[in-house]
């Protein structure tokens, strides 16, 4: 029985979710801050969106960066485990050939 078991599909799904979160938050934050009169002709609504960006934009930017960092970190962890799996499999094959 294995001491460690990883669900690569679950890790890949998490990596994808973090990448999508980063893209979504980044795009949304930029759109709030740059809402133009062409896109939103109602000045009151446009002003409220700009206010929302001013109030929440910094936090959303941080969350976007955290998602990007989590994406990169988890990608590195997944690659390390895959490499470890390959190394263990290769050493088991080498050990099996000499027995």
PDB file of N, CA and C in Angstrom:
ATOM      1  N   UNK A   1       0.835  -1.172   0.000  1.00  0.00           N
ATOM      2  CA  UNK A   1       0.000   0.000   0.000  1.00  0.00           C
ATOM      3  C   UNK A   1       0.886   1.243   0.000  1.00  0.00           C
ATOM      4  N   UNK A   2       0.516   2.219  -0.797  1.00  0.00           N
ATOM      5  CA  UNK A   2       1.300   3.443  -0.920  1.00  0.00           C
ATOM      6  C   UNK A   2       1.140   4.331   0.309  1.00  0.00           C
ATOM      7  N   UNK A   3       2.245   4.957   0.709  1.00  0.00           N
ATOM      8  CA  UNK A   3       2.195   5.901   1.828  1.00  0.00           C
ATOM      9  C   UNK A   3       1.634   7.244   1.394  1.00  0.00           C
ATOM     10  N   UNK A   4       1.832   7.579   0.127  1.00  0.00           N
ATOM     11  CA  UNK A   4       1.378   8.862  -0.398  1.00  0.00           C
ATOM     12  C   UNK A   4       0.593   8.602  -1.672  1.00  0.00           C
ATOM     13  N   UNK A   5      -0.532   9.261  -1.766  1.00  0.00           N
ATOM     14  CA  UNK A   5      -1.343   9.139  -2.971  1.00  0.00           C
ATOM     15  C   UNK A   5      -1.819  10.528  -3.366  1.00  0.00           C
ATOM     16  N   UNK A   6      -1.654  10.862  -4.632  1.00  0.00           N
ATOM     17  CA  UNK A   6      -2.079  12.169  -5.124  1.00  0.00           C
ATOM     18  C   UNK A   6      -3.091  12.000  -6.241  1.00  0.00           C
ATOM     19  N   UNK A   7      -4.065  12.853  -6.233  1.00  0.00           N
ATOM     20  CA  UNK A   7      -5.060  12.887  -7.292  1.00  0.00           C
ATOM     21  C   UNK A   7      -4.633  13.979  -8.269  1.00  0.00           C
ATOM     22  N   UNK A   8      -3.911  13.564  -9.323  1.00  0.00           N
ATOM     23  CA  UNK A   8      -3.392  14.537 -10.279  1.00  0.00           C
ATOM     24  C   UNK A   8      -4.512  15.314 -10.957  1.00  0.00           C
ATOM     25  N   UNK A   9      -5.613  14.660 -11.239  1.00  0.00           N
ATOM     26  CA  UNK A   9      -6.728  15.350 -11.892  1.00  0.00           C
ATOM     27  C   UNK A   9      -7.276  16.464 -10.999  1.00  0.00           C
ATOM     28  N   UNK A  10      -7.365  16.208  -9.699  1.00  0.00           N
ATOM     29  CA  UNK A  10      -7.847  17.233  -8.773  1.00  0.00           C
ATOM     30  C   UNK A  10      -6.862  18.401  -8.698  1.00  0.00           C
ATOM     31  N   UNK A  11      -5.569  18.090  -8.684  1.00  0.00           N
ATOM     32  CA  UNK A  11      -4.569  19.159  -8.663  1.00  0.00           C
ATOM     33  C   UNK A  11      -4.626  19.985  -9.940  1.00  0.00           C
ATOM     34  N   UNK A  12      -4.775  19.314 -11.080  1.00  0.00           N
ATOM     35  CA  UNK A  12      -4.877  20.033 -12.346  1.00  0.00           C
ATOM     36  C   UNK A  12      -6.129  20.908 -12.383  1.00  0.00           C
ATOM     37  N   UNK A  13      -7.225  20.418 -11.823  1.00  0.00           N
ATOM     38  CA  UNK A  13      -8.459  21.211 -11.770  1.00  0.00           C
ATOM     39  C   UNK A  13      -8.256  22.448 -10.898  1.00  0.00           C
ATOM     40  N   UNK A  14      -7.554  22.297  -9.780  1.00  0.00           N
ATOM     41  CA  UNK A  14      -7.275  23.441  -8.915  1.00  0.00           C
ATOM     42  C   UNK A  14      -6.377  24.455  -9.611  1.00  0.00           C
ATOM     43  N   UNK A  15      -5.364  23.964 -10.306  1.00  0.00           N
ATOM     44  CA  UNK A  15      -4.466  24.845 -11.050  1.00  0.00           C
ATOM     45  C   UNK A  15      -5.257  25.647 -12.075  1.00  0.00           C
ATOM     46  N   UNK A  16      -6.118  24.966 -12.792  1.00  0.00           N
ATOM     47  CA  UNK A  16      -6.946  25.630 -13.800  1.00  0.00           C
ATOM     48  C   UNK A  16      -7.874  26.655 -13.159  1.00  0.00           C
ATOM     49  N   UNK A  17      -8.452  26.318 -12.012  1.00  0.00           N
ATOM     50  CA  UNK A  17      -9.357  27.247 -11.321  1.00  0.00           C
ATOM     51  C   UNK A  17      -8.611  28.504 -10.879  1.00  0.00           C
ATOM     52  N   UNK A  18      -7.397  28.337 -10.339  1.00  0.00           N
ATOM     53  CA  UNK A  18      -6.618  29.506  -9.927  1.00  0.00           C
ATOM     54  C   UNK A  18      -6.245  30.369 -11.123  1.00  0.00           C
ATOM     55  N   UNK A  19      -5.888  29.733 -12.229  1.00  0.00           N
ATOM     56  CA  UNK A  19      -5.544  30.494 -13.432  1.00  0.00           C
ATOM     57  C   UNK A  19      -6.760  31.265 -13.933  1.00  0.00           C
ATOM     58  N   UNK A  20      -7.913  30.623 -13.963  1.00  0.00           N
ATOM     59  CA  UNK A  20      -9.131  31.295 -14.404  1.00  0.00           C
ATOM     60  C   UNK A  20      -9.519  32.421 -13.448  1.00  0.00           C
ATOM     61  N   UNK A  21      -9.353  32.191 -12.147  1.00  0.00           N
ATOM     62  CA  UNK A  21      -9.677  33.212 -11.155  1.00  0.00           C
ATOM     63  C   UNK A  21      -8.808  34.444 -11.382  1.00  0.00           C
ATOM     64  N   UNK A  22      -7.534  34.218 -11.623  1.00  0.00           N
ATOM     65  CA  UNK A  22      -6.626  35.342 -11.870  1.00  0.00           C
ATOM     66  C   UNK A  22      -7.089  36.130 -13.094  1.00  0.00           C
ATOM     67  N   UNK A  23      -7.376  35.446 -14.174  1.00  0.00           N
ATOM     68  CA  UNK A  23      -7.797  36.131 -15.401  1.00  0.00           C
ATOM     69  C   UNK A  23      -9.100  36.892 -15.205  1.00  0.00           C
ATOM     70  N   UNK A  24     -10.053  36.256 -14.544  1.00  0.00           N
ATOM     71  CA  UNK A  24     -11.362  36.876 -14.321  1.00  0.00           C
ATOM     72  C   UNK A  24     -11.246  38.115 -13.438  1.00  0.00           C
ATOM     73  N   UNK A  25     -10.534  37.991 -12.333  1.00  0.00           N
ATOM     74  CA  UNK A  25     -10.396  39.127 -11.421  1.00  0.00           C
ATOM     75  C   UNK A  25      -9.603  40.262 -12.055  1.00  0.00           C
ATOM     76  N   UNK A  26      -8.547  39.901 -12.762  1.00  0.00           N
ATOM     77  CA  UNK A  26      -7.729  40.915 -13.409  1.00  0.00           C
ATOM     78  C   UNK A  26      -8.552  41.697 -14.428  1.00  0.00           C
ATOM     79  N   UNK A  27      -9.296  40.988 -15.259  1.00  0.00           N
ATOM     80  CA  UNK A  27     -10.128  41.644 -16.270  1.00  0.00           C
ATOM     81  C   UNK A  27     -11.241  42.470 -15.671  1.00  0.00           C
ATOM     82  N   UNK A  28     -11.863  41.952 -14.627  1.00  0.00           N
ATOM     83  CA  UNK A  28     -12.967  42.658 -13.977  1.00  0.00           C
ATOM     84  C   UNK A  28     -12.489  43.942 -13.317  1.00  0.00           C
ATOM     85  N   UNK A  29     -11.368  43.856 -12.636  1.00  0.00           N
ATOM     86  CA  UNK A  29     -10.836  45.032 -11.957  1.00  0.00           C
ATOM     87  C   UNK A  29     -10.480  46.119 -12.960  1.00  0.00           C
ATOM     88  N   UNK A  30      -9.840  45.728 -14.041  1.00  0.00           N
ATOM     89  CA  UNK A  30      -9.475  46.705 -15.060  1.00  0.00           C
ATOM     90  C   UNK A  30     -10.724  47.328 -15.686  1.00  0.00           C
ATOM     91  N   UNK A  31     -11.742  46.514 -15.925  1.00  0.00           N
ATOM     92  CA  UNK A  31     -12.967  47.020 -16.541  1.00  0.00           C
ATOM     93  C   UNK A  31     -13.681  48.017 -15.629  1.00  0.00           C
ATOM     94  N   UNK A  32     -13.690  47.749 -14.322  1.00  0.00           N
ATOM     95  CA  UNK A  32     -14.342  48.679 -13.389  1.00  0.00           C
ATOM     96  C   UNK A  32     -13.653  50.042 -13.390  1.00  0.00           C
ATOM     97  N   UNK A  33     -12.354  50.020 -13.423  1.00  0.00           N
ATOM     98  CA  UNK A  33     -11.603  51.268 -13.347  1.00  0.00           C
ATOM     99  C   UNK A  33     -11.593  52.057 -14.625  1.00  0.00           C
ATOM    100  N   UNK A  34     -11.887  51.409 -15.735  1.00  0.00           N
ATOM    101  CA  UNK A  34     -11.798  52.104 -17.017  1.00  0.00           C
ATOM    102  C   UNK A  34     -13.141  52.195 -17.741  1.00  0.00           C
ATOM    103  N   UNK A  35     -14.228  52.084 -16.994  1.00  0.00           N
ATOM    104  CA  UNK A  35     -15.555  52.183 -17.621  1.00  0.00           C
ATOM    105  C   UNK A  35     -15.693  53.554 -18.284  1.00  0.00           C
ATOM    106  N   UNK A  36     -15.997  53.542 -19.557  1.00  0.00           N
ATOM    107  CA  UNK A  36     -16.069  54.799 -20.310  1.00  0.00           C
ATOM    108  C   UNK A  36     -17.512  55.205 -20.564  1.00  0.00           C
ATOM    109  N   UNK A  37     -17.672  56.429 -21.023  1.00  0.00           N
ATOM    110  CA  UNK A  37     -19.019  56.914 -21.327  1.00  0.00           C
ATOM    111  C   UNK A  37     -19.585  56.216 -22.558  1.00  0.00           C
ATOM    112  N   UNK A  38     -18.725  55.690 -23.418  1.00  0.00           N
ATOM    113  CA  UNK A  38     -19.206  54.911 -24.571  1.00  0.00           C
ATOM    114  C   UNK A  38     -19.832  53.605 -24.105  1.00  0.00           C
ATOM    115  N   UNK A  39     -19.204  52.965 -23.121  1.00  0.00           N
ATOM    116  CA  UNK A  39     -19.698  51.677 -22.628  1.00  0.00           C
ATOM    117  C   UNK A  39     -20.874  51.864 -21.678  1.00  0.00           C
ATOM    118  N   UNK A  40     -20.812  52.901 -20.835  1.00  0.00           N
ATOM    119  CA  UNK A  40     -21.853  53.138 -19.827  1.00  0.00           C
ATOM    120  C   UNK A  40     -22.252  54.614 -19.906  1.00  0.00           C
ATOM    121  N   UNK A  41     -23.273  54.901 -20.668  1.00  0.00           N
ATOM    122  CA  UNK A  41     -23.648  56.309 -20.860  1.00  0.00           C
ATOM    123  C   UNK A  41     -24.236  56.971 -19.609  1.00  0.00           C
ATOM    124  N   UNK A  42     -24.788  56.203 -18.677  1.00  0.00           N
ATOM    125  CA  UNK A  42     -25.356  56.790 -17.464  1.00  0.00           C
ATOM    126  C   UNK A  42     -24.215  57.182 -16.525  1.00  0.00           C
ATOM    127  N   UNK A  43     -24.061  58.466 -16.322  1.00  0.00           N
ATOM    128  CA  UNK A  43     -22.922  58.948 -15.523  1.00  0.00           C
ATOM    129  C   UNK A  43     -22.995  58.467 -14.078  1.00  0.00           C
ATOM    130  N   UNK A  44     -24.194  58.373 -13.508  1.00  0.00           N
ATOM    131  CA  UNK A  44     -24.316  57.916 -12.118  1.00  0.00           C
ATOM    132  C   UNK A  44     -23.824  56.485 -11.968  1.00  0.00           C
ATOM    133  N   UNK A  45     -24.199  55.620 -12.910  1.00  0.00           N
ATOM    134  CA  UNK A  45     -23.754  54.226 -12.863  1.00  0.00           C
ATOM    135  C   UNK A  45     -22.247  54.141 -13.082  1.00  0.00           C
ATOM    136  N   UNK A  46     -21.762  54.901 -14.045  1.00  0.00           N
ATOM    137  CA  UNK A  46     -20.329  54.906 -14.329  1.00  0.00           C
ATOM    138  C   UNK A  46     -19.552  55.382 -13.102  1.00  0.00           C
ATOM    139  N   UNK A  47     -20.037  56.434 -12.442  1.00  0.00           N
ATOM    140  CA  UNK A  47     -19.380  56.944 -11.246  1.00  0.00           C
ATOM    141  C   UNK A  47     -19.376  55.900 -10.132  1.00  0.00           C
ATOM    142  N   UNK A  48     -20.485  55.178  -9.991  1.00  0.00           N
ATOM    143  CA  UNK A  48     -20.569  54.135  -8.964  1.00  0.00           C
ATOM    144  C   UNK A  48     -19.589  53.004  -9.253  1.00  0.00           C
ATOM    145  N   UNK A  49     -19.434  52.629 -10.532  1.00  0.00           N
ATOM    146  CA  UNK A  49     -18.460  51.595 -10.899  1.00  0.00           C
ATOM    147  C   UNK A  49     -17.039  52.054 -10.600  1.00  0.00           C
ATOM    148  N   UNK A  50     -16.754  53.311 -10.861  1.00  0.00           N
ATOM    149  CA  UNK A  50     -15.432  53.845 -10.548  1.00  0.00           C
ATOM    150  C   UNK A  50     -15.220  53.851  -9.033  1.00  0.00           C
ATOM    151  N   UNK A  51     -16.274  54.206  -8.274  1.00  0.00           N
ATOM    152  CA  UNK A  51     -16.190  54.163  -6.811  1.00  0.00           C
ATOM    153  C   UNK A  51     -15.936  52.732  -6.325  1.00  0.00           C
ATOM    154  N   UNK A  52     -16.643  51.782  -6.943  1.00  0.00           N
ATOM    155  CA  UNK A  52     -16.452  50.378  -6.584  1.00  0.00           C
ATOM    156  C   UNK A  52     -15.009  49.953  -6.849  1.00  0.00           C
ATOM    157  N   UNK A  53     -14.486  50.376  -7.981  1.00  0.00           N
ATOM    158  CA  UNK A  53     -13.090  50.065  -8.291  1.00  0.00           C
ATOM    159  C   UNK A  53     -12.158  50.677  -7.258  1.00  0.00           C
ATOM    160  N   UNK A  54     -12.420  51.932  -6.883  1.00  0.00           N
ATOM    161  CA  UNK A  54     -11.563  52.593  -5.897  1.00  0.00           C
ATOM    162  C   UNK A  54     -11.638  51.891  -4.541  1.00  0.00           C
ATOM    163  N   UNK A  55     -12.829  51.425  -4.173  1.00  0.00           N
ATOM    164  CA  UNK A  55     -13.012  50.770  -2.874  1.00  0.00           C
ATOM    165  C   UNK A  55     -12.488  49.343  -2.854  1.00  0.00           C
ATOM    166  N   UNK A  56     -12.777  48.591  -3.906  1.00  0.00           N
ATOM    167  CA  UNK A  56     -12.483  47.160  -3.924  1.00  0.00           C
ATOM    168  C   UNK A  56     -11.348  46.779  -4.862  1.00  0.00           C
ATOM    169  N   UNK A  57     -10.935  47.677  -5.717  1.00  0.00           N
ATOM    170  CA  UNK A  57      -9.933  47.346  -6.723  1.00  0.00           C
ATOM    171  C   UNK A  57      -8.636  46.827  -6.159  1.00  0.00           C
ATOM    172  N   UNK A  58      -8.128  47.467  -5.095  1.00  0.00           N
ATOM    173  CA  UNK A  58      -6.873  47.022  -4.495  1.00  0.00           C
ATOM    174  C   UNK A  58      -6.977  45.613  -3.934  1.00  0.00           C
ATOM    175  N   UNK A  59      -8.087  45.331  -3.256  1.00  0.00           N
ATOM    176  CA  UNK A  59      -8.294  43.984  -2.707  1.00  0.00           C
ATOM    177  C   UNK A  59      -8.441  42.944  -3.796  1.00  0.00           C
ATOM    178  N   UNK A  60      -9.171  43.307  -4.858  1.00  0.00           N
ATOM    179  CA  UNK A  60      -9.328  42.368  -5.970  1.00  0.00           C
ATOM    180  C   UNK A  60      -8.004  42.138  -6.684  1.00  0.00           C
ATOM    181  N   UNK A  61      -7.195  43.194  -6.791  1.00  0.00           N
ATOM    182  CA  UNK A  61      -5.871  43.027  -7.391  1.00  0.00           C
ATOM    183  C   UNK A  61      -5.014  42.074  -6.564  1.00  0.00           C
ATOM    184  N   UNK A  62      -5.064  42.218  -5.233  1.00  0.00           N
ATOM    185  CA  UNK A  62      -4.301  41.311  -4.363  1.00  0.00           C
ATOM    186  C   UNK A  62      -4.798  39.880  -4.505  1.00  0.00           C
ATOM    187  N   UNK A  63      -6.116  39.717  -4.509  1.00  0.00           N
ATOM    188  CA  UNK A  63      -6.680  38.378  -4.667  1.00  0.00           C
ATOM    189  C   UNK A  63      -6.266  37.782  -6.011  1.00  0.00           C
ATOM    190  N   UNK A  64      -6.232  38.605  -7.040  1.00  0.00           N
ATOM    191  CA  UNK A  64      -5.794  38.144  -8.357  1.00  0.00           C
ATOM    192  C   UNK A  64      -4.334  37.694  -8.319  1.00  0.00           C
ATOM    193  N   UNK A  65      -3.494  38.466  -7.643  1.00  0.00           N
ATOM    194  CA  UNK A  65      -2.073  38.081  -7.527  1.00  0.00           C
ATOM    195  C   UNK A  65      -1.916  36.815  -6.706  1.00  0.00           C
ATOM    196  N   UNK A  66      -2.707  36.668  -5.635  1.00  0.00           N
ATOM    197  CA  UNK A  66      -2.643  35.450  -4.828  1.00  0.00           C
ATOM    198  C   UNK A  66      -3.054  34.236  -5.660  1.00  0.00           C
ATOM    199  N   UNK A  67      -4.085  34.416  -6.482  1.00  0.00           N
ATOM    200  CA  UNK A  67      -4.526  33.317  -7.345  1.00  0.00           C
ATOM    201  C   UNK A  67      -3.430  32.952  -8.340  1.00  0.00           C
ATOM    202  N   UNK A  68      -2.759  33.972  -8.874  1.00  0.00           N
ATOM    203  CA  UNK A  68      -1.660  33.713  -9.812  1.00  0.00           C
ATOM    204  C   UNK A  68      -0.519  32.985  -9.104  1.00  0.00           C
ATOM    205  N   UNK A  69      -0.193  33.419  -7.888  1.00  0.00           N
ATOM    206  CA  UNK A  69       0.868  32.754  -7.114  1.00  0.00           C
ATOM    207  C   UNK A  69       0.484  31.312  -6.778  1.00  0.00           C
ATOM    208  N   UNK A  70      -0.772  31.109  -6.397  1.00  0.00           N
ATOM    209  CA  UNK A  70      -1.240  29.752  -6.081  1.00  0.00           C
ATOM    210  C   UNK A  70      -1.173  28.871  -7.323  1.00  0.00           C
ATOM    211  N   UNK A  71      -1.536  29.425  -8.469  1.00  0.00           N
ATOM    212  CA  UNK A  71      -1.450  28.687  -9.740  1.00  0.00           C
ATOM    213  C   UNK A  71      -0.014  28.249  -9.992  1.00  0.00           C
ATOM    214  N   UNK A  72       0.928  29.183  -9.866  1.00  0.00           N
ATOM    215  CA  UNK A  72       2.330  28.852 -10.109  1.00  0.00           C
ATOM    216  C   UNK A  72       2.887  27.872  -9.085  1.00  0.00           C
ATOM    217  N   UNK A  73       2.571  28.100  -7.819  1.00  0.00           N
ATOM    218  CA  UNK A  73       3.074  27.212  -6.770  1.00  0.00           C
ATOM    219  C   UNK A  73       2.537  25.805  -6.895  1.00  0.00           C
ATOM    220  N   UNK A  74       1.240  25.690  -7.133  1.00  0.00           N
ATOM    221  CA  UNK A  74       0.647  24.359  -7.262  1.00  0.00           C
ATOM    222  C   UNK A  74       1.135  23.658  -8.530  1.00  0.00           C
ATOM    223  N   UNK A  75       1.386  24.424  -9.574  1.00  0.00           N
ATOM    224  CA  UNK A  75       1.966  23.833 -10.795  1.00  0.00           C
ATOM    225  C   UNK A  75       3.337  23.241 -10.496  1.00  0.00           C
ATOM    226  N   UNK A  76       4.130  23.959  -9.712  1.00  0.00           N
ATOM    227  CA  UNK A  76       5.465  23.461  -9.342  1.00  0.00           C
ATOM    228  C   UNK A  76       5.366  22.205  -8.474  1.00  0.00           C
ATOM    229  N   UNK A  77       4.430  22.192  -7.543  1.00  0.00           N
ATOM    230  CA  UNK A  77       4.233  21.021  -6.690  1.00  0.00           C
ATOM    231  C   UNK A  77       3.823  19.817  -7.532  1.00  0.00           C
ATOM    232  N   UNK A  78       2.884  20.020  -8.438  1.00  0.00           N
ATOM    233  CA  UNK A  78       2.435  18.926  -9.303  1.00  0.00           C
ATOM    234  C   UNK A  78       3.589  18.391 -10.140  1.00  0.00           C
ATOM    235  N   UNK A  79       4.390  19.281 -10.705  1.00  0.00           N
ATOM    236  CA  UNK A  79       5.528  18.854 -11.519  1.00  0.00           C
ATOM    237  C   UNK A  79       6.541  18.084 -10.671  1.00  0.00           C
ATOM    238  N   UNK A  80       6.758  18.532  -9.445  1.00  0.00           N
ATOM    239  CA  UNK A  80       7.697  17.839  -8.555  1.00  0.00           C
ATOM    240  C   UNK A  80       7.205  16.429  -8.234  1.00  0.00           C
ATOM    241  N   UNK A  81       5.920  16.285  -7.960  1.00  0.00           N
ATOM    242  CA  UNK A  81       5.392  14.954  -7.665  1.00  0.00           C
ATOM    243  C   UNK A  81       5.439  14.051  -8.896  1.00  0.00           C
ATOM    244  N   UNK A  82       5.154  14.609 -10.067  1.00  0.00           N
ATOM    245  CA  UNK A  82       5.245  13.799 -11.292  1.00  0.00           C
ATOM    246  C   UNK A  82       6.684  13.335 -11.520  1.00  0.00           C
ATOM    247  N   UNK A  83       7.618  14.224 -11.307  1.00  0.00           N
ATOM    248  CA  UNK A  83       9.030  13.871 -11.464  1.00  0.00           C
ATOM    249  C   UNK A  83       9.429  12.792 -10.456  1.00  0.00           C
ATOM    250  N   UNK A  84       8.966  12.949  -9.227  1.00  0.00           N
ATOM    251  CA  UNK A  84       9.225  11.953  -8.187  1.00  0.00           C
ATOM    252  C   UNK A  84       8.650  10.594  -8.588  1.00  0.00           C
ATOM    253  N   UNK A  85       7.409  10.596  -9.081  1.00  0.00           N
ATOM    254  CA  UNK A  85       6.784   9.348  -9.532  1.00  0.00           C
ATOM    255  C   UNK A  85       7.620   8.675 -10.623  1.00  0.00           C
ATOM    256  N   UNK A  86       8.088   9.480 -11.568  1.00  0.00           N
ATOM    257  CA  UNK A  86       8.894   8.938 -12.663  1.00  0.00           C
ATOM    258  C   UNK A  86      10.207   8.358 -12.137  1.00  0.00           C
ATOM    259  N   UNK A  87      10.832   9.068 -11.200  1.00  0.00           N
ATOM    260  CA  UNK A  87      12.092   8.589 -10.623  1.00  0.00           C
ATOM    261  C   UNK A  87      11.883   7.279  -9.864  1.00  0.00           C
ATOM    262  N   UNK A  88      10.817   7.206  -9.084  1.00  0.00           N
ATOM    263  CA  UNK A  88      10.540   5.986  -8.324  1.00  0.00           C
ATOM    264  C   UNK A  88      10.235   4.832  -9.273  1.00  0.00           C
ATOM    265  N   UNK A  89       9.439   5.105 -10.303  1.00  0.00           N
ATOM    266  CA  UNK A  89       9.116   4.046 -11.269  1.00  0.00           C
ATOM    267  C   UNK A  89      10.382   3.547 -11.958  1.00  0.00           C
ATOM    268  N   UNK A  90      11.267   4.466 -12.339  1.00  0.00           N
ATOM    269  CA  UNK A  90      12.517   4.069 -12.995  1.00  0.00           C
ATOM    270  C   UNK A  90      13.401   3.250 -12.061  1.00  0.00           C
ATOM    271  N   UNK A  91      13.474   3.643 -10.798  1.00  0.00           N
ATOM    272  CA  UNK A  91      14.311   2.893  -9.863  1.00  0.00           C
ATOM    273  C   UNK A  91      13.714   1.517  -9.576  1.00  0.00           C
ATOM    274  N   UNK A  92      12.403   1.411  -9.592  1.00  0.00           N
ATOM    275  CA  UNK A  92      11.768   0.103  -9.391  1.00  0.00           C
ATOM    276  C   UNK A  92      12.018  -0.808 -10.584  1.00  0.00           C
ATOM    277  N   UNK A  93      12.018  -0.222 -11.778  1.00  0.00           N
ATOM    278  CA  UNK A  93      12.304  -1.036 -12.969  1.00  0.00           C
ATOM    279  C   UNK A  93      13.746  -1.506 -12.944  1.00  0.00           C
ATOM    280  N   UNK A  94      14.669  -0.624 -12.549  1.00  0.00           N
ATOM    281  CA  UNK A  94      16.070  -1.004 -12.462  1.00  0.00           C
ATOM    282  C   UNK A  94      16.268  -2.105 -11.421  1.00  0.00           C
ATOM    283  N   UNK A  95      15.612  -1.971 -10.301  1.00  0.00           N
ATOM    284  CA  UNK A  95      15.716  -2.972  -9.239  1.00  0.00           C
ATOM    285  C   UNK A  95      15.091  -4.291  -9.637  1.00  0.00           C
ATOM    286  N   UNK A  96      14.031  -4.240 -10.421  1.00  0.00           N
ATOM    287  CA  UNK A  96      13.348  -5.445 -10.866  1.00  0.00           C
ATOM    288  C   UNK A  96      14.142  -6.204 -11.908  1.00  0.00           C
ATOM    289  N   UNK A  97      14.928  -5.490 -12.725  1.00  0.00           N
ATOM    290  CA  UNK A  97      15.725  -6.143 -13.756  1.00  0.00           C
ATOM    291  C   UNK A  97      16.885  -6.938 -13.183  1.00  0.00           C
ATOM    292  N   UNK A  98      17.434  -6.475 -12.051  1.00  0.00           N
ATOM    293  CA  UNK A  98      18.612  -7.145 -11.499  1.00  0.00           C
ATOM    294  C   UNK A  98      18.239  -8.301 -10.571  1.00  0.00           C
ATOM    295  N   UNK A  99      16.979  -8.418 -10.201  1.00  0.00           N
ATOM    296  CA  UNK A  99      16.585  -9.458  -9.250  1.00  0.00           C
ATOM    297  C   UNK A  99      16.372 -10.790  -9.891  1.00  0.00           C
TER     298      UNK A  99
END
